[in-house]
Amino acid sequence: MNDLISRTTRGLFRDLMTGSTVGAISTAFQDEGFVPDPDSTYQDTSVRRVTTQEYFGAVRWRDPAHVTRVLRVFERLNAAALLAGRDPARAMASEGPLLGALFESLVTLSVRVYAQAAEASVYHLRTRNGDHEVDLVVERDDGRVVAMEVKLRPSVGEADVKHLRWLHERLGDRLLDFVVITTGRHAYRRADGIAVVPAALLGA
């Protein structure tokens, strides 16, 4: 199994960390349970990049739970950089979509692995006119499905579940469950029946 985030992409994130402080970088990683790799040999003129790489050395890049925690670090440091005065439009246009795409790819990979073990198929659903879209639809051989939306945020709002509700109305009893996968820490079920599950708990 390959690394879930490539070395090249990790290098891009390491460069982005120059917009943070050493203290903020360390705190963000430590709050997610990471400690710096004491055997890191990475050298750089930037102490911030060196600090980031030392924490990168503690990450198991093939472990979905570890990578999910790292994505929370990236999200947190990106938000802190915006508050510190970096150009919001530029940052959100370049870094935000990249983080979201990485997180969705990570979740999709995990779901496909578990679905394959269960002899189920995984699809992406988008209506022809683009009015409705569901990130992942897992279908069993009997035609019943589980629908999932993937969100790079810890909390879930009404806009995040509208397509799941639409699919429920269309499929009725064929829909076994509907789920929003997040970067949060706790799993729960909303009052409308939609499950909210941290990506780190997939397969648990």
C-alpha atoms as a PDB file:
ATOM      1  CA  MET A   1       0.000   0.000   0.000  1.00  0.00           C
ATOM      2  CA  ASN A   2       1.373   3.418  -0.975  1.00  0.00           C
ATOM      3  CA  ASP A   3       1.557   6.477   1.257  1.00  0.00           C
ATOM      4  CA  LEU A   4      -1.830   8.195   1.427  1.00  0.00           C
ATOM      5  CA  ILE A   5      -0.136  11.581   1.003  1.00  0.00           C
ATOM      6  CA  SER A   6       2.884  11.601  -1.315  1.00  0.00           C
ATOM      7  CA  ARG A   7       6.285  13.023  -0.390  1.00  0.00           C
ATOM      8  CA  THR A   8       5.803  15.769  -2.977  1.00  0.00           C
ATOM      9  CA  THR A   9       2.514  16.875  -1.446  1.00  0.00           C
ATOM     10  CA  ARG A  10       3.999  16.724   2.042  1.00  0.00           C
ATOM     11  CA  GLY A  11       6.772  18.992   0.833  1.00  0.00           C
ATOM     12  CA  LEU A  12       4.198  21.530  -0.346  1.00  0.00           C
ATOM     13  CA  PHE A  13       2.521  21.513   3.059  1.00  0.00           C
ATOM     14  CA  ARG A  14       5.901  21.820   4.768  1.00  0.00           C
ATOM     15  CA  ASP A  15       6.555  24.964   2.727  1.00  0.00           C
ATOM     16  CA  LEU A  16       3.154  26.362   3.685  1.00  0.00           C
ATOM     17  CA  MET A  17       4.076  26.087   7.354  1.00  0.00           C
ATOM     18  CA  THR A  18       6.479  29.028   6.971  1.00  0.00           C
ATOM     19  CA  GLY A  19       3.364  31.166   7.427  1.00  0.00           C
ATOM     20  CA  SER A  20       3.004  29.839  10.990  1.00  0.00           C
ATOM     21  CA  THR A  21       5.195  30.008  14.084  1.00  0.00           C
ATOM     22  CA  VAL A  22       7.266  27.195  15.578  1.00  0.00           C
ATOM     23  CA  GLY A  23       5.070  27.287  18.665  1.00  0.00           C
ATOM     24  CA  ALA A  24       1.854  27.061  16.652  1.00  0.00           C
ATOM     25  CA  ILE A  25       3.219  24.182  14.566  1.00  0.00           C
ATOM     26  CA  SER A  26       4.314  22.229  17.646  1.00  0.00           C
ATOM     27  CA  THR A  27       1.049  22.827  19.486  1.00  0.00           C
ATOM     28  CA  ALA A  28      -1.068  21.784  16.511  1.00  0.00           C
ATOM     29  CA  PHE A  29       0.812  18.506  16.085  1.00  0.00           C
ATOM     30  CA  GLN A  30       0.964  17.768  19.806  1.00  0.00           C
ATOM     31  CA  ASP A  31      -2.767  18.364  20.230  1.00  0.00           C
ATOM     32  CA  GLU A  32      -3.286  15.572  17.685  1.00  0.00           C
ATOM     33  CA  GLY A  33      -1.019  13.231  19.636  1.00  0.00           C
ATOM     34  CA  PHE A  34       2.181  13.563  17.569  1.00  0.00           C
ATOM     35  CA  VAL A  35       5.685  13.983  19.005  1.00  0.00           C
ATOM     36  CA  PRO A  36       8.731  15.048  16.934  1.00  0.00           C
ATOM     37  CA  ASP A  37      10.954  12.344  15.496  1.00  0.00           C
ATOM     38  CA  PRO A  38      14.252  12.573  17.429  1.00  0.00           C
ATOM     39  CA  ASP A  39      16.083  10.827  14.567  1.00  0.00           C
ATOM     40  CA  SER A  40      15.072  13.297  11.867  1.00  0.00           C
ATOM     41  CA  THR A  41      18.025  14.336   9.685  1.00  0.00           C
ATOM     42  CA  TYR A  42      16.165  16.928   7.610  1.00  0.00           C
ATOM     43  CA  GLN A  43      18.109  20.171   7.173  1.00  0.00           C
ATOM     44  CA  ASP A  44      16.763  23.530   6.050  1.00  0.00           C
ATOM     45  CA  THR A  45      17.374  27.228   6.561  1.00  0.00           C
ATOM     46  CA  SER A  46      13.835  27.527   7.942  1.00  0.00           C
ATOM     47  CA  VAL A  47      13.332  26.393  11.534  1.00  0.00           C
ATOM     48  CA  ARG A  48       9.607  26.141  10.820  1.00  0.00           C
ATOM     49  CA  ARG A  49      10.134  23.696   7.967  1.00  0.00           C
ATOM     50  CA  VAL A  50      12.567  21.682  10.096  1.00  0.00           C
ATOM     51  CA  THR A  51      10.048  21.554  12.951  1.00  0.00           C
ATOM     52  CA  THR A  52       7.292  20.443  10.589  1.00  0.00           C
ATOM     53  CA  GLN A  53       9.474  17.694   9.106  1.00  0.00           C
ATOM     54  CA  GLU A  54      10.386  16.429  12.572  1.00  0.00           C
ATOM     55  CA  TYR A  55       6.681  15.909  13.279  1.00  0.00           C
ATOM     56  CA  PHE A  56       6.143  14.427   9.811  1.00  0.00           C
ATOM     57  CA  GLY A  57       8.669  11.766  10.812  1.00  0.00           C
ATOM     58  CA  ALA A  58       6.261  10.556  13.498  1.00  0.00           C
ATOM     59  CA  VAL A  59       3.372  10.061  11.071  1.00  0.00           C
ATOM     60  CA  ARG A  60       2.472   6.647   9.653  1.00  0.00           C
ATOM     61  CA  TRP A  61       1.579   7.833   6.163  1.00  0.00           C
ATOM     62  CA  ARG A  62      -0.202   4.610   5.212  1.00  0.00           C
ATOM     63  CA  ASP A  63      -2.484   4.713   8.245  1.00  0.00           C
ATOM     64  CA  PRO A  64      -5.827   6.466   7.504  1.00  0.00           C
ATOM     65  CA  ALA A  65      -6.278   7.442  11.161  1.00  0.00           C
ATOM     66  CA  HIS A  66      -2.829   9.054  11.324  1.00  0.00           C
ATOM     67  CA  VAL A  67      -3.305  10.913   8.051  1.00  0.00           C
ATOM     68  CA  THR A  68      -6.719  12.180   9.145  1.00  0.00           C
ATOM     69  CA  ARG A  69      -5.102  13.668  12.245  1.00  0.00           C
ATOM     70  CA  VAL A  70      -2.428  15.319  10.095  1.00  0.00           C
ATOM     71  CA  LEU A  71      -5.117  16.842   7.883  1.00  0.00           C
ATOM     72  CA  ARG A  72      -6.641  18.378  11.011  1.00  0.00           C
ATOM     73  CA  VAL A  73      -3.227  19.900  11.743  1.00  0.00           C
ATOM     74  CA  PHE A  74      -3.063  21.350   8.228  1.00  0.00           C
ATOM     75  CA  GLU A  75      -6.586  22.726   8.518  1.00  0.00           C
ATOM     76  CA  ARG A  76      -5.858  24.323  11.881  1.00  0.00           C
ATOM     77  CA  LEU A  77      -2.578  25.937  10.810  1.00  0.00           C
ATOM     78  CA  ASN A  78      -4.116  27.205   7.597  1.00  0.00           C
ATOM     79  CA  ALA A  79      -6.919  28.875   9.551  1.00  0.00           C
ATOM     80  CA  ALA A  80      -4.395  30.382  11.987  1.00  0.00           C
ATOM     81  CA  ALA A  81      -2.379  31.777   9.079  1.00  0.00           C
ATOM     82  CA  LEU A  82      -5.472  33.489   7.713  1.00  0.00           C
ATOM     83  CA  LEU A  83      -6.133  35.109  11.080  1.00  0.00           C
ATOM     84  CA  ALA A  84      -2.498  36.252  11.172  1.00  0.00           C
ATOM     85  CA  GLY A  85      -2.986  38.318   8.045  1.00  0.00           C
ATOM     86  CA  ARG A  86      -2.251  36.136   5.036  1.00  0.00           C
ATOM     87  CA  ASP A  87      -4.337  36.921   1.976  1.00  0.00           C
ATOM     88  CA  PRO A  88      -7.605  34.965   2.514  1.00  0.00           C
ATOM     89  CA  ALA A  89      -8.637  34.787  -1.136  1.00  0.00           C
ATOM     90  CA  ARG A  90      -5.288  33.406  -2.232  1.00  0.00           C
ATOM     91  CA  ALA A  91      -5.036  30.946   0.628  1.00  0.00           C
ATOM     92  CA  MET A  92      -8.550  29.581   0.262  1.00  0.00           C
ATOM     93  CA  ALA A  93      -8.211  29.322  -3.508  1.00  0.00           C
ATOM     94  CA  SER A  94      -4.969  27.362  -3.346  1.00  0.00           C
ATOM     95  CA  GLU A  95      -4.782  25.489  -0.029  1.00  0.00           C
ATOM     96  CA  GLY A  96      -8.420  24.938   0.900  1.00  0.00           C
ATOM     97  CA  PRO A  97      -9.392  22.895  -2.184  1.00  0.00           C
ATOM     98  CA  LEU A  98      -6.157  20.909  -1.941  1.00  0.00           C
ATOM     99  CA  LEU A  99      -6.863  19.916   1.647  1.00  0.00           C
ATOM    100  CA  GLY A 100     -10.434  19.020   0.759  1.00  0.00           C
ATOM    101  CA  ALA A 101      -9.358  16.907  -2.196  1.00  0.00           C
ATOM    102  CA  LEU A 102      -6.753  15.097  -0.098  1.00  0.00           C
ATOM    103  CA  PHE A 103      -9.242  14.366   2.654  1.00  0.00           C
ATOM    104  CA  GLU A 104     -11.873  13.109   0.225  1.00  0.00           C
ATOM    105  CA  SER A 105      -9.303  10.907  -1.507  1.00  0.00           C
ATOM    106  CA  LEU A 106      -8.232   9.464   1.833  1.00  0.00           C
ATOM    107  CA  VAL A 107     -11.802   8.658   2.848  1.00  0.00           C
ATOM    108  CA  THR A 108     -12.616   7.232  -0.584  1.00  0.00           C
ATOM    109  CA  LEU A 109      -9.594   4.948  -0.441  1.00  0.00           C
ATOM    110  CA  SER A 110     -10.591   3.675   3.003  1.00  0.00           C
ATOM    111  CA  VAL A 111     -14.218   3.107   1.996  1.00  0.00           C
ATOM    112  CA  ARG A 112     -13.196   1.247  -1.167  1.00  0.00           C
ATOM    113  CA  VAL A 113     -10.951  -1.091   0.831  1.00  0.00           C
ATOM    114  CA  TYR A 114     -13.711  -1.923   3.307  1.00  0.00           C
ATOM    115  CA  ALA A 115     -16.330  -2.212   0.561  1.00  0.00           C
ATOM    116  CA  GLN A 116     -14.182  -4.619  -1.411  1.00  0.00           C
ATOM    117  CA  ALA A 117     -13.842  -6.831   1.658  1.00  0.00           C
ATOM    118  CA  ALA A 118     -17.647  -6.838   1.928  1.00  0.00           C
ATOM    119  CA  GLU A 119     -18.036  -7.528  -1.820  1.00  0.00           C
ATOM    120  CA  ALA A 120     -19.774  -4.192  -2.303  1.00  0.00           C
ATOM    121  CA  SER A 121     -19.304  -1.541  -5.006  1.00  0.00           C
ATOM    122  CA  VAL A 122     -18.516   2.164  -4.536  1.00  0.00           C
ATOM    123  CA  TYR A 123     -19.805   4.937  -6.799  1.00  0.00           C
ATOM    124  CA  HIS A 124     -19.924   8.723  -6.999  1.00  0.00           C
ATOM    125  CA  LEU A 125     -23.391  10.093  -7.730  1.00  0.00           C
ATOM    126  CA  ARG A 126     -24.094  13.291  -9.649  1.00  0.00           C
ATOM    127  CA  THR A 127     -27.330  14.096 -11.435  1.00  0.00           C
ATOM    128  CA  ARG A 128     -27.150  15.068 -15.088  1.00  0.00           C
ATOM    129  CA  ASN A 129     -27.982  18.724 -14.423  1.00  0.00           C
ATOM    130  CA  GLY A 130     -25.679  18.888 -11.392  1.00  0.00           C
ATOM    131  CA  ASP A 131     -28.456  19.721  -8.932  1.00  0.00           C
ATOM    132  CA  HIS A 132     -27.576  16.825  -6.634  1.00  0.00           C
ATOM    133  CA  GLU A 133     -24.299  15.117  -5.815  1.00  0.00           C
ATOM    134  CA  VAL A 134     -23.309  12.482  -3.259  1.00  0.00           C
ATOM    135  CA  ASP A 135     -19.622  11.800  -2.689  1.00  0.00           C
ATOM    136  CA  LEU A 136     -19.800   8.044  -2.087  1.00  0.00           C
ATOM    137  CA  VAL A 137     -22.534   5.477  -2.605  1.00  0.00           C
ATOM    138  CA  VAL A 138     -21.735   1.955  -1.400  1.00  0.00           C
ATOM    139  CA  GLU A 139     -24.008  -0.657  -2.981  1.00  0.00           C
ATOM    140  CA  ARG A 140     -24.446  -4.268  -1.893  1.00  0.00           C
ATOM    141  CA  ASP A 141     -25.229  -7.047  -4.317  1.00  0.00           C
ATOM    142  CA  ASP A 142     -28.889  -6.887  -3.255  1.00  0.00           C
ATOM    143  CA  GLY A 143     -29.124  -3.266  -4.442  1.00  0.00           C
ATOM    144  CA  ARG A 144     -29.298  -1.667  -1.006  1.00  0.00           C
ATOM    145  CA  VAL A 145     -26.924   1.231  -0.378  1.00  0.00           C
ATOM    146  CA  VAL A 146     -25.138   3.402   2.159  1.00  0.00           C
ATOM    147  CA  ALA A 147     -24.642   7.027   1.093  1.00  0.00           C
ATOM    148  CA  MET A 148     -21.781   9.182   2.352  1.00  0.00           C
ATOM    149  CA  GLU A 149     -20.770  12.818   2.172  1.00  0.00           C
ATOM    150  CA  VAL A 150     -17.179  13.813   3.007  1.00  0.00           C
ATOM    151  CA  LYS A 151     -16.561  17.151   4.730  1.00  0.00           C
ATOM    152  CA  LEU A 152     -13.232  18.672   5.747  1.00  0.00           C
ATOM    153  CA  ARG A 153     -14.633  20.140   8.932  1.00  0.00           C
ATOM    154  CA  PRO A 154     -15.484  18.845  12.416  1.00  0.00           C
ATOM    155  CA  SER A 155     -19.119  19.997  12.464  1.00  0.00           C
ATOM    156  CA  VAL A 156     -22.055  19.356  10.148  1.00  0.00           C
ATOM    157  CA  GLY A 157     -24.638  21.900   8.991  1.00  0.00           C
ATOM    158  CA  GLU A 158     -27.893  21.642   7.072  1.00  0.00           C
ATOM    159  CA  ALA A 159     -26.192  22.338   3.742  1.00  0.00           C
ATOM    160  CA  ASP A 160     -23.957  19.312   4.285  1.00  0.00           C
ATOM    161  CA  VAL A 161     -26.847  16.850   4.428  1.00  0.00           C
ATOM    162  CA  LYS A 162     -29.310  18.133   1.814  1.00  0.00           C
ATOM    163  CA  HIS A 163     -28.150  15.734  -0.903  1.00  0.00           C
ATOM    164  CA  LEU A 164     -28.325  12.796   1.494  1.00  0.00           C
ATOM    165  CA  ARG A 165     -31.907  13.719   2.316  1.00  0.00           C
ATOM    166  CA  TRP A 166     -32.719  13.969  -1.385  1.00  0.00           C
ATOM    167  CA  LEU A 167     -31.299  10.508  -2.007  1.00  0.00           C
ATOM    168  CA  HIS A 168     -33.267   9.112   0.920  1.00  0.00           C
ATOM    169  CA  GLU A 169     -36.464  10.470  -0.612  1.00  0.00           C
ATOM    170  CA  ARG A 170     -35.592   8.830  -3.926  1.00  0.00           C
ATOM    171  CA  LEU A 171     -34.470   5.433  -2.609  1.00  0.00           C
ATOM    172  CA  GLY A 172     -36.672   4.908   0.420  1.00  0.00           C
ATOM    173  CA  ASP A 173     -35.974   1.548   2.060  1.00  0.00           C
ATOM    174  CA  ARG A 174     -33.136   0.808  -0.371  1.00  0.00           C
ATOM    175  CA  LEU A 175     -31.045   3.279   1.628  1.00  0.00           C
ATOM    176  CA  LEU A 176     -29.612   1.358   4.561  1.00  0.00           C
ATOM    177  CA  ASP A 177     -27.937   4.393   6.106  1.00  0.00           C
ATOM    178  CA  PHE A 178     -26.630   7.868   5.330  1.00  0.00           C
ATOM    179  CA  VAL A 179     -23.431   9.225   6.788  1.00  0.00           C
ATOM    180  CA  VAL A 180     -21.319  12.386   6.863  1.00  0.00           C
ATOM    181  CA  ILE A 181     -17.585  11.705   7.284  1.00  0.00           C
ATOM    182  CA  THR A 182     -15.787  14.562   9.077  1.00  0.00           C
ATOM    183  CA  THR A 183     -12.501  15.548  10.701  1.00  0.00           C
ATOM    184  CA  GLY A 184     -14.218  15.633  14.091  1.00  0.00           C
ATOM    185  CA  ARG A 185     -13.480  13.494  17.137  1.00  0.00           C
ATOM    186  CA  HIS A 186     -16.904  12.104  18.043  1.00  0.00           C
ATOM    187  CA  ALA A 187     -19.442   9.921  16.259  1.00  0.00           C
ATOM    188  CA  TYR A 188     -23.131  10.580  16.773  1.00  0.00           C
ATOM    189  CA  ARG A 189     -26.469  10.446  15.014  1.00  0.00           C
ATOM    190  CA  ARG A 190     -28.374  13.625  14.251  1.00  0.00           C
ATOM    191  CA  ALA A 191     -32.056  14.080  15.055  1.00  0.00           C
ATOM    192  CA  ASP A 192     -32.875  13.500  11.375  1.00  0.00           C
ATOM    193  CA  GLY A 193     -31.208  10.084  11.518  1.00  0.00           C
ATOM    194  CA  ILE A 194     -28.055  10.970   9.594  1.00  0.00           C
ATOM    195  CA  ALA A 195     -24.882   9.569  11.157  1.00  0.00           C
ATOM    196  CA  VAL A 196     -21.812  11.771  11.662  1.00  0.00           C
ATOM    197  CA  VAL A 197     -18.591   9.752  11.795  1.00  0.00           C
ATOM    198  CA  PRO A 198     -14.966  10.939  12.147  1.00  0.00           C
ATOM    199  CA  ALA A 199     -12.758   9.641   9.364  1.00  0.00           C
ATOM    200  CA  ALA A 200     -10.383   8.300  12.007  1.00  0.00           C
ATOM    201  CA  LEU A 201     -13.088   5.829  13.076  1.00  0.00           C
ATOM    202  CA  LEU A 202     -13.650   4.296   9.654  1.00  0.00           C
ATOM    203  CA  GLY A 203     -13.299   0.553   9.974  1.00  0.00           C
ATOM    204  CA  ALA A 204     -13.282   0.713  13.773  1.00  0.00           C
END
